[in-house]
Amino acid sequence: MGVTTTPRDYGIAPEGYRLPDTTRLGRVKLQVADLERSLAYYTQVLGLRVLDRRDEGGRVARLAPNGEDVVLVELVEKRGVQPSPERGRLGLYHFAILLPDRGSLGRFLRHLGESNVRAGMADHLVSEAIYLEDPDGLGIEVYADRPRSAWRSEGRQLVMATEHLDVGDLLRAGGAEPWSGMPRGTVIGHVHLFVGDLARASSFYHDALGFEKVVWNYPGALFLSAGGYHHHLGTNTWARHAKPATDDDARLLEWEIVLPAEDVTAAAASVERKGMTVEREGGGVAVRDPWGTRVRLVAPG
């Protein structure tokens, strides 16, 4: 369990349990103040579609890309919650939607321009990214990866940076085809969290949960992954003096790591061996990091 690995010239594996190469992320579950307002943004700006919704016993909607019944985002309404402040709360920095190709990212960028939506942009060498905030101030990245053959490593670390995005070249990659929503093959690529301390984040996510370290010299940040990916998880201390998000805040309620069933059991056992609590309910397994962010471990549906 958890020993399926491919030799690489970068990364630091945990001493104990290691998440398998097949690790991927599932849905992110967000608490928002106004479901209708959020749905307008997530469908019209991001281009996700409503897979299903429930308005009794709590208003909830689940969102998927076009042509697939795969839940990427679950929105849970709680009236009166406060928007995320500019400097953030410990918890979500952003969640990242990975598009299947660069052309899709170019079409999305053109769509934002035509919709007069402001966005941040960056070239991270391993990927190209567009940054947004939803109506509650929750951070969103939409990105496309460069081929792994183009990634570079130095001294056991992947080389990542934040550089100027070549907007013109990206728009040309989109061609003349109009944006028609998040395409088939769109997934949650990574989650990036505000944490209070990188050593404690490493102890939880690397030593206990089994992610590999891939970048650790980026100022105030630590990036971790499984299977040699550039990162399934980013952690940073850029809001280390903030308080953790609470039930009264718009926030990330939980995010999912999708693993083979035997690895769900093995990862939970690894966390428990480190003296940390595992929540078991309805056949599911969840753990909380030192700042209360909930991570659900699930087998493929």
Protein backbone atom coordinates (compact mmCIF):
# COMPACT_ATOMS: atom_id res chain seq x y z
CA MET A 1 0.00 0.00 0.00
CA GLY A 2 1.29 3.43 -0.96
CA VAL A 3 4.50 2.10 -2.54
CA THR A 4 3.70 2.65 -6.23
CA THR A 5 6.40 5.14 -7.21
CA THR A 6 8.31 6.20 -10.29
CA PRO A 7 12.02 7.10 -9.99
CA ARG A 8 12.58 10.87 -10.24
CA ASP A 9 15.49 13.24 -9.85
CA TYR A 10 13.56 15.63 -7.62
CA GLY A 11 11.48 15.57 -4.48
CA ILE A 12 11.87 14.34 -0.91
CA ALA A 13 9.80 11.33 0.04
CA PRO A 14 8.45 10.93 3.58
CA GLU A 15 10.29 8.42 5.75
CA GLY A 16 7.14 6.38 6.35
CA TYR A 17 3.97 6.06 4.32
CA ARG A 18 4.02 7.64 0.86
CA LEU A 19 0.90 8.50 -1.14
CA PRO A 20 0.73 6.50 -4.40
CA ASP A 21 1.47 7.90 -7.85
CA THR A 22 -2.22 7.55 -8.73
CA THR A 23 -3.20 10.19 -6.15
CA ARG A 24 -5.49 12.91 -7.47
CA LEU A 25 -7.78 15.51 -5.97
CA GLY A 26 -11.57 15.36 -5.81
CA ARG A 27 -14.10 18.08 -5.04
CA VAL A 28 -13.66 21.18 -2.95
CA LYS A 29 -16.53 22.10 -0.64
CA LEU A 30 -17.04 25.82 0.01
CA GLN A 31 -19.23 27.77 2.43
CA VAL A 32 -20.75 30.86 0.78
CA ALA A 33 -23.14 33.60 1.86
CA ASP A 34 -25.56 33.60 -1.07
CA LEU A 35 -25.98 30.50 -3.22
CA GLU A 36 -27.68 32.26 -6.13
CA ARG A 37 -24.97 34.91 -6.30
CA SER A 38 -22.26 32.25 -6.23
CA LEU A 39 -23.99 30.11 -8.85
CA ALA A 40 -24.15 33.07 -11.22
CA TYR A 41 -20.38 33.53 -10.85
CA TYR A 42 -19.40 29.88 -11.05
CA THR A 43 -21.53 29.24 -14.13
CA GLN A 44 -21.24 32.50 -16.06
CA VAL A 45 -17.66 33.48 -15.25
CA LEU A 46 -15.98 30.13 -14.62
CA GLY A 47 -18.14 28.09 -16.96
CA LEU A 48 -19.03 25.23 -14.64
CA ARG A 49 -22.52 23.73 -14.85
CA VAL A 50 -24.95 22.84 -12.08
CA LEU A 51 -25.03 19.07 -11.74
CA ASP A 52 -27.63 19.07 -8.99
CA ARG A 53 -28.88 21.18 -6.12
CA ARG A 54 -30.86 20.87 -2.91
CA ASP A 55 -32.90 23.68 -1.38
CA GLU A 56 -34.45 21.85 1.58
CA GLY A 57 -32.54 21.12 4.76
CA GLY A 58 -29.76 23.46 3.68
CA ARG A 59 -29.11 25.00 0.27
CA VAL A 60 -26.39 23.12 -1.59
CA ALA A 61 -25.32 22.94 -5.24
CA ARG A 62 -22.77 20.70 -6.92
CA LEU A 63 -20.92 21.83 -10.02
CA ALA A 64 -19.24 19.89 -12.82
CA PRO A 65 -17.49 20.55 -16.15
CA ASN A 66 -19.33 20.16 -19.45
CA GLY A 67 -19.98 16.63 -20.60
CA GLU A 68 -19.00 14.93 -17.34
CA ASP A 69 -20.86 14.18 -14.12
CA VAL A 70 -17.77 14.71 -11.99
CA VAL A 71 -18.26 17.05 -9.03
CA LEU A 72 -15.50 19.63 -8.85
CA VAL A 73 -17.06 22.23 -6.55
CA GLU A 74 -19.78 21.92 -3.91
CA LEU A 75 -21.31 25.17 -2.66
CA VAL A 76 -23.02 25.27 0.73
CA GLU A 77 -24.99 28.38 1.64
CA LYS A 78 -24.82 29.86 5.11
CA ARG A 79 -26.47 33.25 5.27
CA GLY A 80 -24.55 35.97 7.06
CA VAL A 81 -21.05 34.53 6.73
CA GLN A 82 -18.36 37.16 6.28
CA PRO A 83 -16.34 37.44 3.07
CA SER A 84 -12.71 36.42 3.14
CA PRO A 85 -10.62 39.46 4.13
CA GLU A 86 -7.97 40.81 1.78
CA ARG A 87 -5.14 39.23 3.78
CA GLY A 88 -7.10 36.02 4.24
CA ARG A 89 -7.81 33.64 7.08
CA LEU A 90 -5.79 30.54 7.86
CA GLY A 91 -7.33 27.98 5.54
CA LEU A 92 -7.97 28.53 1.85
CA TYR A 93 -5.58 30.67 -0.20
CA HIS A 94 -7.01 29.34 -3.44
CA PHE A 95 -8.23 26.17 -5.08
CA ALA A 96 -7.05 25.49 -8.61
CA ILE A 97 -9.02 24.26 -11.60
CA LEU A 98 -6.78 22.47 -14.10
CA LEU A 99 -7.83 22.70 -17.75
CA PRO A 100 -6.90 19.85 -20.10
CA ASP A 101 -4.85 21.95 -22.54
CA ARG A 102 -3.34 25.36 -23.20
CA GLY A 103 -5.87 26.20 -25.89
CA SER A 104 -8.68 25.95 -23.36
CA LEU A 105 -6.84 28.36 -21.07
CA GLY A 106 -6.43 30.81 -23.94
CA ARG A 107 -10.15 30.66 -24.71
CA PHE A 108 -10.96 31.16 -21.03
CA LEU A 109 -8.70 34.21 -20.90
CA ARG A 110 -10.42 35.71 -23.93
CA HIS A 111 -13.81 35.03 -22.29
CA LEU A 112 -12.72 36.93 -19.17
CA GLY A 113 -11.68 39.90 -21.30
CA GLU A 114 -14.96 39.90 -23.20
CA SER A 115 -16.81 39.73 -19.87
CA ASN A 116 -14.76 42.60 -18.34
CA VAL A 117 -13.62 40.36 -15.48
CA ARG A 118 -10.38 41.41 -13.81
CA ALA A 119 -7.83 38.70 -13.14
CA GLY A 120 -4.26 38.15 -12.04
CA MET A 121 -1.90 36.16 -14.26
CA ALA A 122 1.41 34.36 -13.90
CA ASP A 123 3.79 32.01 -15.64
CA HIS A 124 5.02 29.45 -13.08
CA LEU A 125 7.32 27.64 -15.59
CA VAL A 126 5.57 24.32 -14.92
CA SER A 127 2.19 25.92 -15.67
CA GLU A 128 0.41 29.08 -16.77
CA ALA A 129 -2.20 30.49 -14.41
CA ILE A 130 -5.06 32.97 -14.12
CA TYR A 131 -6.19 34.13 -10.67
CA LEU A 132 -9.68 35.21 -9.63
CA GLU A 133 -11.81 35.78 -6.53
CA ASP A 134 -15.41 34.62 -6.21
CA PRO A 135 -18.13 36.90 -4.75
CA ASP A 136 -17.13 35.90 -1.20
CA GLY A 137 -13.45 36.68 -1.77
CA LEU A 138 -12.43 33.02 -2.01
CA GLY A 139 -9.38 32.54 -4.21
CA ILE A 140 -9.55 30.58 -7.47
CA GLU A 141 -6.80 29.66 -9.91
CA VAL A 142 -7.56 28.42 -13.42
CA TYR A 143 -4.48 26.97 -15.10
CA ALA A 144 -2.95 24.67 -17.68
CA ASP A 145 0.18 22.60 -17.23
CA ARG A 146 3.20 22.61 -19.43
CA PRO A 147 4.35 19.11 -20.49
CA ARG A 148 6.36 17.34 -17.80
CA SER A 149 9.20 17.06 -20.29
CA ALA A 150 9.53 20.86 -20.04
CA TRP A 151 9.83 20.90 -16.23
CA ARG A 152 13.31 21.42 -14.77
CA SER A 153 14.80 20.48 -11.42
CA GLU A 154 17.76 21.76 -9.44
CA GLY A 155 19.11 20.24 -6.25
CA ARG A 156 16.18 17.85 -5.79
CA GLN A 157 13.63 20.65 -6.26
CA LEU A 158 11.40 21.41 -9.17
CA VAL A 159 12.06 24.86 -10.57
CA MET A 160 8.97 27.02 -10.12
CA ALA A 161 8.70 30.79 -10.27
CA THR A 162 6.22 33.63 -10.70
CA GLU A 163 6.94 35.39 -13.96
CA HIS A 164 5.10 37.52 -16.50
CA LEU A 165 2.48 35.63 -18.50
CA ASP A 166 2.74 35.98 -22.28
CA VAL A 167 -0.89 36.98 -22.76
CA GLY A 168 -0.70 37.41 -26.53
CA ASP A 169 0.80 33.97 -27.09
CA LEU A 170 -1.77 32.37 -24.78
CA LEU A 171 -4.65 34.07 -26.61
CA ARG A 172 -3.27 32.85 -29.94
CA ALA A 173 -3.16 29.31 -28.53
CA GLY A 174 -6.91 29.60 -27.94
CA GLY A 175 -7.56 30.02 -31.65
CA ALA A 176 -10.82 31.37 -33.01
CA GLU A 177 -13.07 28.89 -31.20
CA PRO A 178 -15.25 30.62 -28.57
CA TRP A 179 -15.22 29.68 -24.90
CA SER A 180 -18.12 27.33 -24.19
CA GLY A 181 -17.53 26.50 -20.54
CA MET A 182 -15.19 24.22 -18.63
CA PRO A 183 -14.39 21.38 -21.06
CA ARG A 184 -14.40 17.65 -20.55
CA GLY A 185 -11.22 16.63 -18.75
CA THR A 186 -11.22 19.62 -16.38
CA VAL A 187 -10.24 18.62 -12.81
CA ILE A 188 -9.23 20.11 -9.49
CA GLY A 189 -5.47 20.29 -9.90
CA HIS A 190 -4.35 21.52 -6.50
CA VAL A 191 -5.31 23.30 -3.32
CA HIS A 192 -3.20 26.08 -1.77
CA LEU A 193 -3.58 26.88 1.92
CA PHE A 194 -2.65 29.67 4.30
CA VAL A 195 -0.98 28.00 7.30
CA GLY A 196 0.55 29.30 10.49
CA ASP A 197 3.86 27.46 10.34
CA LEU A 198 5.62 25.56 7.54
CA ALA A 199 7.29 23.07 9.90
CA ARG A 200 3.90 22.04 11.33
CA ALA A 201 2.44 21.90 7.83
CA SER A 202 5.29 19.60 6.79
CA SER A 203 4.79 17.42 9.86
CA PHE A 204 1.13 16.91 8.99
CA TYR A 205 1.07 16.76 5.20
CA HIS A 206 4.50 15.21 4.55
CA ASP A 207 5.38 13.11 7.59
CA ALA A 208 1.88 11.93 8.50
CA LEU A 209 -0.28 12.08 5.37
CA GLY A 210 2.48 11.04 2.97
CA PHE A 211 2.94 13.79 0.38
CA GLU A 212 6.41 14.32 -1.08
CA LYS A 213 8.10 17.71 -0.84
CA VAL A 214 8.83 19.14 -4.28
CA VAL A 215 9.62 22.84 -3.70
CA TRP A 216 10.79 24.22 -0.36
CA ASN A 217 12.90 27.30 -1.17
CA TYR A 218 10.04 29.46 -2.49
CA PRO A 219 9.79 32.40 -0.03
CA GLY A 220 7.37 31.52 2.77
CA ALA A 221 5.93 28.50 0.98
CA LEU A 222 6.17 24.72 0.75
CA PHE A 223 4.80 22.71 -2.18
CA LEU A 224 3.94 19.02 -1.92
CA SER A 225 2.63 16.35 -4.26
CA ALA A 226 2.35 12.68 -5.13
CA GLY A 227 3.58 10.94 -8.25
CA GLY A 228 6.02 13.69 -9.18
CA TYR A 229 3.36 16.31 -9.91
CA HIS A 230 4.48 19.92 -9.43
CA HIS A 231 2.03 20.25 -6.55
CA HIS A 232 -1.26 18.85 -5.35
CA LEU A 233 -0.88 21.07 -2.29
CA GLY A 234 0.68 24.44 -1.65
CA THR A 235 1.12 25.85 1.84
CA ASN A 236 2.29 29.33 2.73
CA THR A 237 2.76 31.58 5.75
CA TRP A 238 1.87 34.81 3.98
CA ALA A 239 -1.06 35.27 6.41
CA ARG A 240 0.53 33.55 9.41
CA HIS A 241 -0.72 36.17 11.87
CA ALA A 242 -4.34 35.75 10.76
CA LYS A 243 -6.90 33.67 12.63
CA PRO A 244 -8.23 30.37 11.26
CA ALA A 245 -11.46 30.65 9.29
CA THR A 246 -14.54 29.92 11.41
CA ASP A 247 -18.17 28.88 10.89
CA ASP A 248 -18.96 32.59 10.51
CA ASP A 249 -16.64 33.00 7.50
CA ALA A 250 -16.91 32.15 3.83
CA ARG A 251 -14.35 29.38 3.70
CA LEU A 252 -13.14 26.02 2.48
CA LEU A 253 -15.13 23.39 4.40
CA GLU A 254 -13.11 20.45 3.09
CA TRP A 255 -11.16 19.13 0.13
CA GLU A 256 -10.77 15.58 -1.14
CA ILE A 257 -7.81 13.37 -1.92
CA VAL A 258 -8.79 10.41 -4.11
CA LEU A 259 -6.85 7.21 -3.41
CA PRO A 260 -7.19 3.46 -3.95
CA ALA A 261 -9.27 2.00 -1.12
CA GLU A 262 -6.27 0.30 0.47
CA ASP A 263 -4.42 3.61 0.53
CA VAL A 264 -7.32 5.38 2.24
CA THR A 265 -6.80 2.87 5.06
CA ALA A 266 -3.01 3.18 4.96
CA ALA A 267 -2.98 6.99 4.94
CA ALA A 268 -5.41 7.11 7.87
CA ALA A 269 -3.24 4.67 9.79
CA SER A 270 -0.16 6.78 9.10
CA VAL A 271 -1.91 9.86 10.50
CA GLU A 272 -2.94 7.94 13.61
CA ARG A 273 0.60 6.65 14.14
CA LYS A 274 1.70 10.27 14.40
CA GLY A 275 -0.78 10.79 17.24
CA MET A 276 -3.34 12.71 15.17
CA THR A 277 -7.09 12.17 15.10
CA VAL A 278 -8.91 10.46 12.23
CA GLU A 279 -12.64 11.06 11.79
CA ARG A 280 -14.61 8.05 10.55
CA GLU A 281 -18.22 8.50 9.55
CA GLY A 282 -20.45 6.73 7.06
CA GLY A 283 -17.58 4.67 5.74
CA GLY A 284 -15.56 7.81 5.02
CA VAL A 285 -12.29 9.00 6.51
CA ALA A 286 -11.32 12.61 7.22
CA VAL A 287 -8.44 14.34 8.98
CA ARG A 288 -7.86 17.96 10.03
CA ASP A 289 -4.62 19.85 9.69
CA PRO A 290 -3.27 21.90 12.64
CA TRP A 291 -5.40 24.91 11.62
CA GLY A 292 -8.65 22.97 11.29
CA THR A 293 -8.77 22.53 7.51
CA ARG A 294 -10.57 19.25 6.81
CA VAL A 295 -9.17 16.78 4.29
CA ARG A 296 -11.37 13.87 3.22
CA LEU A 297 -9.73 10.68 1.94
CA VAL A 298 -11.93 8.88 -0.56
CA ALA A 299 -11.71 5.90 -2.90
CA PRO A 300 -12.72 6.40 -6.54
CA GLY A 301 -16.50 6.40 -6.98
